[in-house]
C-alpha atoms as a PDB file:
ATOM      1  CA  MET A   1     -43.587 -19.558  31.456  1.00  0.00           C
ATOM      2  CA  THR A   2     -42.018 -16.256  32.254  1.00  0.00           C
ATOM      3  CA  GLY A   3     -38.560 -17.882  32.711  1.00  0.00           C
ATOM      4  CA  LEU A   4     -38.842 -19.499  29.244  1.00  0.00           C
ATOM      5  CA  LEU A   5     -39.395 -16.127  27.525  1.00  0.00           C
ATOM      6  CA  VAL A   6     -36.348 -14.407  29.131  1.00  0.00           C
ATOM      7  CA  LYS A   7     -34.096 -17.317  28.401  1.00  0.00           C
ATOM      8  CA  ARG A   8     -35.559 -17.513  24.755  1.00  0.00           C
ATOM      9  CA  ARG A   9     -34.911 -13.351  24.382  1.00  0.00           C
ATOM     10  CA  GLU A  10     -31.454 -13.937  25.935  1.00  0.00           C
ATOM     11  CA  PHE A  11     -30.793 -16.475  23.538  1.00  0.00           C
ATOM     12  CA  ILE A  12     -32.056 -14.497  20.420  1.00  0.00           C
ATOM     13  CA  LEU A  13     -29.921 -11.466  21.715  1.00  0.00           C
ATOM     14  CA  ALA A  14     -26.983 -13.669  21.979  1.00  0.00           C
ATOM     15  CA  ALA A  15     -27.571 -15.129  18.666  1.00  0.00           C
ATOM     16  CA  ALA A  16     -27.876 -11.787  17.165  1.00  0.00           C
ATOM     17  CA  ALA A  17     -24.716 -10.072  18.436  1.00  0.00           C
ATOM     18  CA  PHE A  18     -22.789 -13.580  17.647  1.00  0.00           C
ATOM     19  CA  TRP A  19     -23.456 -12.731  13.971  1.00  0.00           C
ATOM     20  CA  ALA A  20     -22.891  -9.437  14.197  1.00  0.00           C
ATOM     21  CA  LEU A  21     -19.002 -10.905  14.659  1.00  0.00           C
ATOM     22  CA  PRO A  22     -16.688 -10.130  12.111  1.00  0.00           C
ATOM     23  CA  VAL A  23     -15.865 -13.729  10.128  1.00  0.00           C
ATOM     24  CA  ASP A  24     -11.995 -13.232  10.516  1.00  0.00           C
ATOM     25  CA  SER A  25     -11.161  -9.966  12.854  1.00  0.00           C
ATOM     26  CA  ALA A  26      -7.461 -10.088  11.780  1.00  0.00           C
ATOM     27  CA  ASN A  27      -8.241  -9.966   8.393  1.00  0.00           C
ATOM     28  CA  SER A  28     -11.151  -7.482   8.767  1.00  0.00           C
ATOM     29  CA  GLN A  29      -9.011  -4.659   9.439  1.00  0.00           C
ATOM     30  CA  VAL A  30      -9.714  -1.481   7.271  1.00  0.00           C
ATOM     31  CA  GLU A  31      -6.518  -0.226   5.665  1.00  0.00           C
ATOM     32  CA  PRO A  32      -5.803   3.177   5.399  1.00  0.00           C
ATOM     33  CA  PRO A  33      -6.480   4.515   1.620  1.00  0.00           C
ATOM     34  CA  ILE A  34      -3.778   5.299  -0.686  1.00  0.00           C
ATOM     35  CA  HIS A  35      -3.279   8.186  -2.677  1.00  0.00           C
ATOM     36  CA  VAL A  36      -1.262   8.153  -5.862  1.00  0.00           C
ATOM     37  CA  VAL A  37       0.160  11.354  -7.841  1.00  0.00           C
ATOM     38  CA  LYS A  38       1.346  10.272 -11.381  1.00  0.00           C
ATOM     39  CA  GLY A  39       2.081  11.398 -14.671  1.00  0.00           C
ATOM     40  CA  ARG A  40      -0.767  11.716 -17.661  1.00  0.00           C
ATOM     41  CA  GLY A  41      -1.405   8.457 -19.788  1.00  0.00           C
ATOM     42  CA  CYS A  42       1.247   6.230 -17.689  1.00  0.00           C
ATOM     43  CA  GLU A  43      -0.084   2.991 -18.580  1.00  0.00           C
ATOM     44  CA  CYS A  44       2.260   1.273 -15.717  1.00  0.00           C
ATOM     45  CA  CYS A  45       1.040   3.988 -13.009  1.00  0.00           C
ATOM     46  CA  GLU A  46      -2.132   2.868 -13.856  1.00  0.00           C
ATOM     47  CA  ALA A  47      -1.388  -0.651 -13.954  1.00  0.00           C
ATOM     48  CA  TRP A  48       0.447  -0.219 -10.018  1.00  0.00           C
ATOM     49  CA  VAL A  49      -3.222   1.543  -8.933  1.00  0.00           C
ATOM     50  CA  ASP A  50      -4.979  -1.549 -10.654  1.00  0.00           C
ATOM     51  CA  TYR A  51      -3.001  -4.080  -8.431  1.00  0.00           C
ATOM     52  CA  LEU A  52      -3.254  -2.292  -5.268  1.00  0.00           C
ATOM     53  CA  ARG A  53      -6.925  -2.435  -5.737  1.00  0.00           C
ATOM     54  CA  GLU A  54      -6.754  -5.931  -6.506  1.00  0.00           C
ATOM     55  CA  GLN A  55      -4.957  -6.236  -2.733  1.00  0.00           C
ATOM     56  CA  GLY A  56      -7.817  -4.825  -1.279  1.00  0.00           C
ATOM     57  CA  PHE A  57      -6.757  -1.170  -1.257  1.00  0.00           C
ATOM     58  CA  THR A  58      -8.678   1.720  -1.438  1.00  0.00           C
ATOM     59  CA  VAL A  59      -6.612   3.971  -3.989  1.00  0.00           C
ATOM     60  CA  THR A  60      -7.443   7.424  -4.938  1.00  0.00           C
ATOM     61  CA  ASP A  61      -5.199   9.232  -8.015  1.00  0.00           C
ATOM     62  CA  GLU A  62      -4.582  12.475  -9.576  1.00  0.00           C
ATOM     63  CA  VAL A  63      -2.648  13.672 -12.501  1.00  0.00           C
ATOM     64  CA  SER A  64       0.352  16.067 -12.307  1.00  0.00           C
ATOM     65  CA  MET A  65       3.134  16.992 -14.327  1.00  0.00           C
ATOM     66  CA  GLY A  66       6.518  17.977 -14.858  1.00  0.00           C
ATOM     67  CA  THR A  67       8.042  20.289 -12.228  1.00  0.00           C
ATOM     68  CA  LEU A  68       4.923  19.816 -10.165  1.00  0.00           C
ATOM     69  CA  LEU A  69       5.257  16.260 -10.018  1.00  0.00           C
ATOM     70  CA  ILE A  70       8.966  16.582  -8.889  1.00  0.00           C
ATOM     71  CA  ARG A  71       8.240  19.333  -6.099  1.00  0.00           C
ATOM     72  CA  TYR A  72       5.315  17.014  -4.956  1.00  0.00           C
ATOM     73  CA  LYS A  73       8.044  14.150  -4.731  1.00  0.00           C
ATOM     74  CA  MET A  74      10.414  16.181  -2.948  1.00  0.00           C
ATOM     75  CA  ASP A  75       7.671  17.386  -0.311  1.00  0.00           C
ATOM     76  CA  HIS A  76       7.441  14.266   0.615  1.00  0.00           C
ATOM     77  CA  GLY A  77      11.102  13.083   1.279  1.00  0.00           C
ATOM     78  CA  VAL A  78      11.849  11.065  -1.774  1.00  0.00           C
ATOM     79  CA  PRO A  79      15.355  11.806  -2.799  1.00  0.00           C
ATOM     80  CA  VAL A  80      16.188  12.135  -6.331  1.00  0.00           C
ATOM     81  CA  LYS A  81      18.295   9.111  -6.664  1.00  0.00           C
ATOM     82  CA  ALA A  82      15.002   6.985  -5.290  1.00  0.00           C
ATOM     83  CA  PHE A  83      12.712   8.546  -7.953  1.00  0.00           C
ATOM     84  CA  SER A  84      10.517   6.647  -9.951  1.00  0.00           C
ATOM     85  CA  CYS A  85       7.413   7.397 -12.202  1.00  0.00           C
ATOM     86  CA  HIS A  86       4.539   7.934  -9.631  1.00  0.00           C
ATOM     87  CA  THR A  87       4.376   8.628  -5.738  1.00  0.00           C
ATOM     88  CA  GLY A  88       1.627   7.556  -3.026  1.00  0.00           C
ATOM     89  CA  THR A  89       1.138   8.464   0.102  1.00  0.00           C
ATOM     90  CA  VAL A  90      -0.890   6.283   3.095  1.00  0.00           C
ATOM     91  CA  ASP A  91      -1.086   7.085   6.718  1.00  0.00           C
ATOM     92  CA  GLY A  92       2.000   9.048   6.899  1.00  0.00           C
ATOM     93  CA  TYR A  93       4.298   7.512   4.462  1.00  0.00           C
ATOM     94  CA  VAL A  94       5.411   7.944   0.764  1.00  0.00           C
ATOM     95  CA  LEU A  95       5.367   5.306  -1.461  1.00  0.00           C
ATOM     96  CA  GLU A  96       7.584   5.746  -4.522  1.00  0.00           C
ATOM     97  CA  GLY A  97       7.193   3.635  -7.301  1.00  0.00           C
ATOM     98  CA  HIS A  98       6.274   0.005  -8.067  1.00  0.00           C
ATOM     99  CA  VAL A  99       6.246  -1.132  -3.923  1.00  0.00           C
ATOM    100  CA  PRO A 100       4.469  -4.735  -3.581  1.00  0.00           C
ATOM    101  CA  ALA A 101       1.388  -4.575  -1.316  1.00  0.00           C
ATOM    102  CA  ALA A 102       3.360  -7.011   1.200  1.00  0.00           C
ATOM    103  CA  ASP A 103       5.694  -4.121   1.707  1.00  0.00           C
ATOM    104  CA  ILE A 104       3.164  -1.631   2.068  1.00  0.00           C
ATOM    105  CA  ARG A 105       1.231  -3.767   4.617  1.00  0.00           C
ATOM    106  CA  ARG A 106       4.754  -4.381   6.422  1.00  0.00           C
ATOM    107  CA  LEU A 107       5.933  -0.945   6.423  1.00  0.00           C
ATOM    108  CA  LEU A 108       2.130   0.286   8.274  1.00  0.00           C
ATOM    109  CA  VAL A 109       2.828  -2.650  10.785  1.00  0.00           C
ATOM    110  CA  GLU A 110       6.212  -1.973  11.600  1.00  0.00           C
ATOM    111  CA  ARG A 111       5.951   1.514  11.561  1.00  0.00           C
ATOM    112  CA  PRO A 112       9.696   2.588  11.044  1.00  0.00           C
ATOM    113  CA  ASP A 113      10.937   6.366  11.869  1.00  0.00           C
ATOM    114  CA  ALA A 114      11.179   6.900   7.812  1.00  0.00           C
ATOM    115  CA  PHE A 115       9.773   8.776   5.115  1.00  0.00           C
ATOM    116  CA  GLY A 116       8.817   5.655   3.325  1.00  0.00           C
ATOM    117  CA  LEU A 117       9.459   3.280   0.610  1.00  0.00           C
ATOM    118  CA  SER A 118      11.054   3.291  -3.024  1.00  0.00           C
ATOM    119  CA  VAL A 119      11.283   0.761  -5.697  1.00  0.00           C
ATOM    120  CA  PRO A 120      13.848   3.024  -8.173  1.00  0.00           C
ATOM    121  CA  ASP A 121      13.944   2.425 -11.890  1.00  0.00           C
ATOM    122  CA  MET A 122      10.995   0.529 -12.507  1.00  0.00           C
ATOM    123  CA  PRO A 123      12.079  -2.784 -12.454  1.00  0.00           C
ATOM    124  CA  TYR A 124      10.475  -5.663 -15.024  1.00  0.00           C
ATOM    125  CA  GLY A 125       8.555  -7.992 -13.089  1.00  0.00           C
ATOM    126  CA  SER A 126       7.602  -5.439  -9.860  1.00  0.00           C
ATOM    127  CA  PRO A 127       3.839  -4.714  -9.719  1.00  0.00           C
ATOM    128  CA  GLY A 128       2.647  -2.665 -12.890  1.00  0.00           C
ATOM    129  CA  MET A 129       5.520  -3.622 -14.342  1.00  0.00           C
ATOM    130  CA  GLY A 130       5.070  -6.777 -16.373  1.00  0.00           C
ATOM    131  CA  SER A 131       4.859 -10.447 -15.529  1.00  0.00           C
ATOM    132  CA  GLU A 132       6.339 -11.324 -12.097  1.00  0.00           C
ATOM    133  CA  ASP A 133       6.740 -15.015 -13.693  1.00  0.00           C
ATOM    134  CA  SER A 134       9.774 -13.584 -15.461  1.00  0.00           C
ATOM    135  CA  ARG A 135      11.079 -10.433 -12.913  1.00  0.00           C
ATOM    136  CA  ASP A 136      14.273  -8.771 -12.571  1.00  0.00           C
ATOM    137  CA  ALA A 137      15.929  -8.859  -9.614  1.00  0.00           C
ATOM    138  CA  TYR A 138      15.071  -5.589  -7.367  1.00  0.00           C
ATOM    139  CA  GLU A 139      15.218  -3.874  -4.053  1.00  0.00           C
ATOM    140  CA  VAL A 140      12.141  -2.333  -2.031  1.00  0.00           C
ATOM    141  CA  LEU A 141      14.383   0.875  -0.115  1.00  0.00           C
ATOM    142  CA  LEU A 142      13.402   2.093   3.115  1.00  0.00           C
ATOM    143  CA  ILE A 143      14.081   6.156   2.770  1.00  0.00           C
ATOM    144  CA  LYS A 144      15.391   7.294   6.038  1.00  0.00           C
ATOM    145  CA  ARG A 145      14.649  10.613   7.583  1.00  0.00           C
ATOM    146  CA  ASP A 146      18.016  11.595   6.937  1.00  0.00           C
ATOM    147  CA  GLY A 147      17.361  10.918   3.006  1.00  0.00           C
ATOM    148  CA  SER A 148      19.517   7.736   3.444  1.00  0.00           C
ATOM    149  CA  LEU A 149      18.174   4.412   1.438  1.00  0.00           C
ATOM    150  CA  LYS A 150      18.240   1.166   3.487  1.00  0.00           C
ATOM    151  CA  VAL A 151      17.187  -2.201   1.849  1.00  0.00           C
ATOM    152  CA  PHE A 152      13.993  -3.229   3.349  1.00  0.00           C
ATOM    153  CA  THR A 153      13.188  -6.149   0.872  1.00  0.00           C
ATOM    154  CA  SER A 154      15.148  -7.993  -1.876  1.00  0.00           C
ATOM    155  CA  TYR A 155      13.207  -9.448  -4.754  1.00  0.00           C
ATOM    156  CA  PRO A 156      15.401 -12.176  -6.639  1.00  0.00           C
ATOM    157  CA  SER A 157      15.052 -12.638 -10.704  1.00  0.00           C
ATOM    158  CA  ASP A 158      12.730 -15.826 -11.914  1.00  0.00           C
END
């Protein structure tokens, strides 16, 4: 009888341990939070923040204006030619403009030696800038440490 109780206890502990495991360990990783600095009342900035949250990111945001916002961009390595309306940071990288979630995730996996990513000029159809069903062609640019830009991803027009 004692042997039966031990086996039963082992079964219960094993079952409890099994149910404590994540359902899909590949998708259960917690992504680092994104912090966004944006201008007051910018609807496309709000739309990008909402998009990131819908994509599963935790996002905080703050309002900054004028020269303070420009200084923030420059302090994070964003060259003027890569400027857009808002600037995010995630895990040591900068995100300038309407960067798609897939490119943020790729950046975090590949971890290039760079400042981050930029989508300059607020192209129509980029996340937060209207419907992706009729988007303009645009590129996500890698901001290299020397300030140069390199195409990270190209999105065709629809």
